[in-house]
Protein backbone atom coordinates (compact mmCIF):
# COMPACT_ATOMS: atom_id res chain seq x y z
CA UNK A 1 -1.14 -3.33 -24.39
CA UNK A 2 -0.03 0.72 -23.68
CA UNK A 3 -1.31 2.92 -21.57
CA UNK A 4 -1.47 4.62 -23.98
CA UNK A 5 -3.37 2.16 -26.40
CA UNK A 6 -6.15 2.07 -23.29
CA UNK A 7 -9.47 4.86 -22.87
CA UNK A 8 -10.22 5.34 -18.54
CA UNK A 9 -13.42 7.46 -18.72
CA UNK A 10 -16.66 7.73 -17.49
CA UNK A 11 -19.18 5.51 -18.16
CA UNK A 12 -22.26 6.61 -20.28
CA UNK A 13 -25.39 4.28 -21.19
CA UNK A 14 -23.43 3.98 -24.73
CA UNK A 15 -21.68 1.57 -21.82
CA UNK A 16 -24.64 -0.94 -21.75
CA UNK A 17 -23.34 -4.08 -23.48
CA UNK A 18 -20.78 -4.34 -21.84
CA UNK A 19 -22.71 -4.90 -18.49
CA UNK A 20 -22.89 -8.18 -19.04
CA UNK A 21 -19.32 -9.00 -19.83
CA UNK A 22 -18.64 -6.67 -16.43
CA UNK A 23 -20.67 -8.71 -13.63
CA UNK A 24 -19.54 -11.96 -15.14
CA UNK A 25 -15.87 -11.38 -15.03
CA UNK A 26 -16.86 -10.11 -11.68
CA UNK A 27 -18.33 -13.59 -10.17
CA UNK A 28 -15.62 -15.53 -11.85
CA UNK A 29 -12.92 -12.94 -9.94
CA UNK A 30 -14.80 -13.91 -6.96
CA UNK A 31 -14.67 -17.29 -7.34
CA UNK A 32 -11.12 -17.39 -8.11
CA UNK A 33 -9.96 -15.27 -5.19
CA UNK A 34 -11.83 -17.27 -2.96
CA UNK A 35 -13.56 -14.22 -1.66
CA UNK A 36 -15.94 -11.45 -3.43
CA UNK A 37 -17.72 -8.12 -3.63
CA UNK A 38 -21.95 -8.37 -3.62
CA UNK A 39 -23.08 -9.67 -6.53
CA UNK A 40 -24.45 -7.43 -8.83
CA UNK A 41 -26.71 -7.56 -11.96
CA UNK A 42 -26.57 -6.34 -15.35
CA UNK A 43 -29.08 -4.25 -15.13
CA UNK A 44 -27.51 -2.48 -11.36
CA UNK A 45 -24.18 -1.60 -13.64
CA UNK A 46 -26.46 0.16 -16.62
CA UNK A 47 -28.20 1.83 -13.80
CA UNK A 48 -24.45 3.21 -12.44
CA UNK A 49 -23.49 4.06 -16.19
CA UNK A 50 -26.86 5.96 -16.88
CA UNK A 51 -26.41 7.73 -13.65
CA UNK A 52 -22.59 9.17 -14.44
CA UNK A 53 -20.97 7.36 -11.26
CA UNK A 54 -18.95 4.66 -13.00
CA UNK A 55 -15.53 5.04 -14.94
CA UNK A 56 -14.49 2.16 -17.63
CA UNK A 57 -11.47 1.41 -19.69
CA UNK A 58 -11.50 0.27 -23.02
CA UNK A 59 -9.15 -0.11 -26.15
CA UNK A 60 -8.83 2.05 -28.63
CA UNK A 61 -10.96 -0.49 -30.91
CA UNK A 62 -13.62 -0.59 -28.07
CA UNK A 63 -12.68 -3.95 -26.21
CA UNK A 64 -13.41 -3.15 -22.44
CA UNK A 65 -11.01 -3.17 -20.05
CA UNK A 66 -12.08 -2.25 -16.41
CA UNK A 67 -14.48 -1.00 -14.50
CA UNK A 68 -15.17 0.97 -10.71
CA UNK A 69 -18.08 2.36 -9.95
CA UNK A 70 -19.18 4.62 -7.07
CA UNK A 71 -22.06 3.80 -4.14
CA UNK A 72 -23.09 6.21 -1.71
CA UNK A 73 -24.17 5.37 2.16
CA UNK A 74 -26.13 7.24 5.34
CA UNK A 75 -27.64 9.68 3.25
CA UNK A 76 -23.68 10.69 1.20
CA UNK A 77 -21.79 10.77 4.49
CA UNK A 78 -20.26 7.42 2.84
CA UNK A 79 -18.96 6.70 -0.17
CA UNK A 80 -17.43 3.47 -1.51
CA UNK A 81 -15.62 2.87 -4.98
CA UNK A 82 -17.04 -0.55 -5.70
CA UNK A 83 -16.34 -3.42 -7.81
CA UNK A 84 -12.68 -2.19 -9.30
CA UNK A 85 -12.40 -5.55 -12.29
CA UNK A 86 -9.50 -5.66 -14.85
CA UNK A 87 -10.47 -8.17 -17.66
CA UNK A 88 -7.17 -10.42 -17.22
CA UNK A 89 -5.99 -9.97 -20.38
CA UNK A 90 -5.05 -6.46 -19.09
CA UNK A 91 -3.90 -7.14 -15.68
CA UNK A 92 -0.27 -6.27 -14.82
CA UNK A 93 -0.68 -3.39 -16.77
CA UNK A 94 -1.12 -0.14 -14.59
CA UNK A 95 -5.09 0.34 -15.94
CA UNK A 96 -6.10 -0.93 -12.01
CA UNK A 97 -4.23 1.86 -10.89
CA UNK A 98 -5.69 4.45 -13.77
CA UNK A 99 -9.69 3.44 -13.09
CA UNK A 100 -8.82 3.82 -9.46
CA UNK A 101 -7.48 7.18 -9.79
CA UNK A 102 -10.46 8.56 -12.17
CA UNK A 103 -12.92 6.86 -9.66
CA UNK A 104 -11.56 8.59 -6.45
CA UNK A 105 -11.26 11.83 -8.36
CA UNK A 106 -14.95 11.37 -9.31
CA UNK A 107 -16.13 10.69 -5.72
CA UNK A 108 -14.07 13.49 -4.52
CA UNK A 109 -16.18 15.77 -6.98
CA UNK A 110 -19.30 14.51 -6.40
CA UNK A 111 -19.13 13.95 -3.19
CA UNK A 112 -16.69 16.52 -1.86
CA UNK A 113 -17.40 16.27 2.12
CA UNK A 114 -17.70 11.92 2.50
CA UNK A 115 -15.22 9.55 3.38
CA UNK A 116 -14.27 7.48 1.04
CA UNK A 117 -13.96 3.37 1.98
CA UNK A 118 -13.07 0.68 0.76
CA UNK A 119 -12.75 -3.04 2.40
CA UNK A 120 -10.20 -5.20 -0.02
CA UNK A 121 -7.97 -8.45 0.22
CA UNK A 122 -5.52 -7.40 -1.79
CA UNK A 123 -2.02 -6.18 -1.57
CA UNK A 124 -2.38 -4.37 -4.73
CA UNK A 125 -5.36 -2.32 -3.79
CA UNK A 126 -4.38 -1.45 -0.66
CA UNK A 127 -1.44 0.12 -2.11
CA UNK A 128 -3.32 1.96 -4.56
CA UNK A 129 -5.95 2.71 -2.12
CA UNK A 130 -2.53 4.29 -0.05
CA UNK A 131 -0.95 6.67 -2.56
CA UNK A 132 -4.70 8.03 -2.70
CA UNK A 133 -4.34 8.63 0.65
CA UNK A 134 -6.59 5.75 2.32
CA UNK A 135 -5.05 4.51 5.35
CA UNK A 136 -6.39 1.34 7.25
CA UNK A 137 -9.22 1.18 9.62
CA UNK A 138 -11.34 -0.94 11.95
CA UNK A 139 -14.97 -1.63 10.61
CA UNK A 140 -16.42 0.57 13.74
CA UNK A 141 -15.06 3.05 11.22
CA UNK A 142 -16.53 2.63 8.22
CA UNK A 143 -20.30 2.97 7.15
CA UNK A 144 -23.40 1.17 9.72
CA UNK A 145 -25.97 1.09 6.58
CA UNK A 146 -27.40 -2.10 6.44
CA UNK A 147 -27.63 -2.10 3.16
CA UNK A 148 -24.41 -1.62 2.20
CA UNK A 149 -23.36 -4.77 4.96
CA UNK A 150 -25.99 -6.56 2.87
CA UNK A 151 -24.14 -6.50 -0.14
CA UNK A 152 -21.52 -9.01 1.76
CA UNK A 153 -23.87 -11.71 2.10
CA UNK A 154 -22.84 -13.31 -1.29
CA UNK A 155 -19.32 -13.74 -0.12
CA UNK A 156 -18.20 -16.71 1.04
CA UNK A 157 -17.01 -14.95 3.96
CA UNK A 158 -20.49 -13.84 5.12
CA UNK A 159 -20.74 -16.64 7.75
CA UNK A 160 -16.87 -15.39 9.15
CA UNK A 161 -17.87 -11.83 9.08
CA UNK A 162 -20.87 -12.35 11.43
CA UNK A 163 -19.55 -14.99 13.36
CA UNK A 164 -17.13 -11.72 14.73
CA UNK A 165 -19.88 -9.51 14.92
CA UNK A 166 -18.97 -7.51 11.28
CA UNK A 167 -15.86 -6.72 13.83
CA UNK A 168 -13.21 -8.23 11.63
CA UNK A 169 -13.63 -10.20 8.26
CA UNK A 170 -10.36 -11.07 5.70
CA UNK A 171 -11.12 -7.69 3.72
CA UNK A 172 -9.01 -5.14 5.20
CA UNK A 173 -10.99 -1.91 5.64
CA UNK A 174 -9.97 1.65 4.49
CA UNK A 175 -10.39 4.79 4.12
CA UNK A 176 -10.04 8.51 3.06
CA UNK A 177 -10.98 11.52 5.43
CA UNK A 178 -11.39 14.15 3.47
CA UNK A 179 -11.38 16.70 6.93
CA UNK A 180 -7.84 14.52 7.95
CA UNK A 181 -6.62 15.37 4.56
CA UNK A 182 -7.13 18.86 4.44
CA UNK A 183 -5.51 18.91 7.87
CA UNK A 184 -2.73 16.57 6.96
CA UNK A 185 -2.48 19.35 3.68
CA UNK A 186 -2.58 22.59 6.01
CA UNK A 187 0.29 21.08 8.92
CA UNK A 188 2.15 20.50 5.26
CA UNK A 189 1.82 23.52 4.06
CA UNK A 190 3.12 25.38 7.79
CA UNK A 191 6.06 23.70 7.94
CA UNK A 192 7.08 25.14 4.12
CA UNK A 193 5.68 28.32 5.07
CA UNK A 194 8.94 29.57 5.37
CA UNK A 195 10.80 28.16 2.28
CA UNK A 196 10.25 29.76 -1.26
CA UNK A 197 7.60 27.92 -3.73
CA UNK A 198 9.81 25.50 -5.23
CA UNK A 199 11.04 24.45 -1.58
CA UNK A 200 7.33 23.93 -1.09
CA UNK A 201 6.65 22.28 -4.11
CA UNK A 202 10.03 20.23 -3.63
CA UNK A 203 8.63 19.56 0.33
CA UNK A 204 4.90 18.29 -0.59
CA UNK A 205 6.82 15.62 -2.89
CA UNK A 206 9.17 14.57 -0.58
CA UNK A 207 6.80 13.84 1.62
CA UNK A 208 4.67 12.19 -0.62
CA UNK A 209 8.12 10.43 -1.73
CA UNK A 210 8.51 9.31 1.57
CA UNK A 211 5.19 7.43 2.16
CA UNK A 212 5.47 5.89 -1.24
CA UNK A 213 8.62 4.27 0.26
CA UNK A 214 6.97 3.76 3.83
CA UNK A 215 4.61 1.65 2.05
CA UNK A 216 6.81 -0.28 -0.54
CA UNK A 217 8.94 -1.17 2.56
CA UNK A 218 6.23 -2.51 4.88
CA UNK A 219 4.98 -4.75 2.07
CA UNK A 220 5.69 -7.87 3.01
CA UNK A 221 5.06 -5.92 6.56
CA UNK A 222 1.21 -6.13 5.62
CA UNK A 223 1.55 -9.15 3.24
CA UNK A 224 2.05 -10.98 6.25
CA UNK A 225 -0.32 -9.87 8.82
CA UNK A 226 -2.86 -10.53 5.82
CA UNK A 227 -1.70 -14.08 5.74
CA UNK A 228 -1.63 -13.72 9.63
CA UNK A 229 -5.37 -12.36 9.90
CA UNK A 230 -6.50 -15.69 7.49
CA UNK A 231 -5.04 -17.93 9.44
CA UNK A 232 -6.71 -16.99 12.59
CA UNK A 233 -10.32 -16.35 11.11
CA UNK A 234 -10.45 -19.68 9.23
CA UNK A 235 -9.06 -21.58 12.05
CA UNK A 236 -12.04 -22.31 13.56
CA UNK A 237 -13.68 -23.13 9.86
CA UNK A 238 -10.44 -25.94 9.20
CA UNK A 239 -12.05 -27.32 12.42
CA UNK A 240 -15.08 -27.87 11.52
CA UNK A 241 -13.51 -29.47 8.76
CA UNK A 242 -11.18 -31.37 10.17
CA UNK A 243 -11.91 -32.27 14.12
CA UNK A 244 -8.24 -34.48 14.36
CA UNK A 245 -5.18 -31.74 13.27
CA UNK A 246 -1.98 -32.73 14.51
CA UNK A 247 -0.16 -30.52 16.70
CA UNK A 248 3.33 -30.14 14.91
CA UNK A 249 0.90 -29.66 11.74
CA UNK A 250 -0.62 -26.87 13.24
CA UNK A 251 2.91 -25.79 14.74
CA UNK A 252 4.35 -25.50 10.86
CA UNK A 253 0.82 -23.84 9.85
CA UNK A 254 1.19 -21.35 11.55
CA UNK A 255 5.14 -20.32 11.27
CA UNK A 256 4.45 -20.81 7.23
CA UNK A 257 2.18 -17.26 7.83
CA UNK A 258 6.11 -15.41 8.71
CA UNK A 259 8.37 -17.93 6.69
CA UNK A 260 6.76 -19.26 3.50
């Protein structure tokens, strides 16, 4: 369906009827990926709707399309845009990007000084985050709030996370720092201060275009890195399942990370 036939807006208490559909799709999607976000109940989703901390996408006829919500940690020092989910019938339509933009803007309005972060295993989400100004970071740069990390317990990879001392897992951490973003913008404006207003606008556009091209150019590299990361982290767990792994098979498996 065309984007202009979809409505992406702030969710309210009038959207409570979609909560169970949303949580069911979250669970099914996590199973299909072999990884997952924190499991949430319909009541929790409804709470986010009532608080004005979520974005919902619907068709003009009221069919549910997608959803995402905000969580705040460490006294609002950190904010996570969590639970991004799109109905299978509407995937690859660009609606996920629109939802992400809307929830990001809502976070910036409600928590202007907070660092916005996320954990993801998906290259598509990494690209959306990159376009919004997120950068890949180590887990040490994310929140230390125990309640956030408890949310990972429902993920099938929780054992890997804990075995690595909560310093690494299959997900990639990404962070938007408003202080750093403002500094970069100020530097950009200073570099173009001697130019006309038209030139400044062009310069900003060129800067954004270059950043987007850089991600697109390195997309394959990111994808290979994610595969390599998965290979390394899952290696010990695969050994538990099959202690007799042939050396040739090991070599083929390792090489396939880079060439499949």
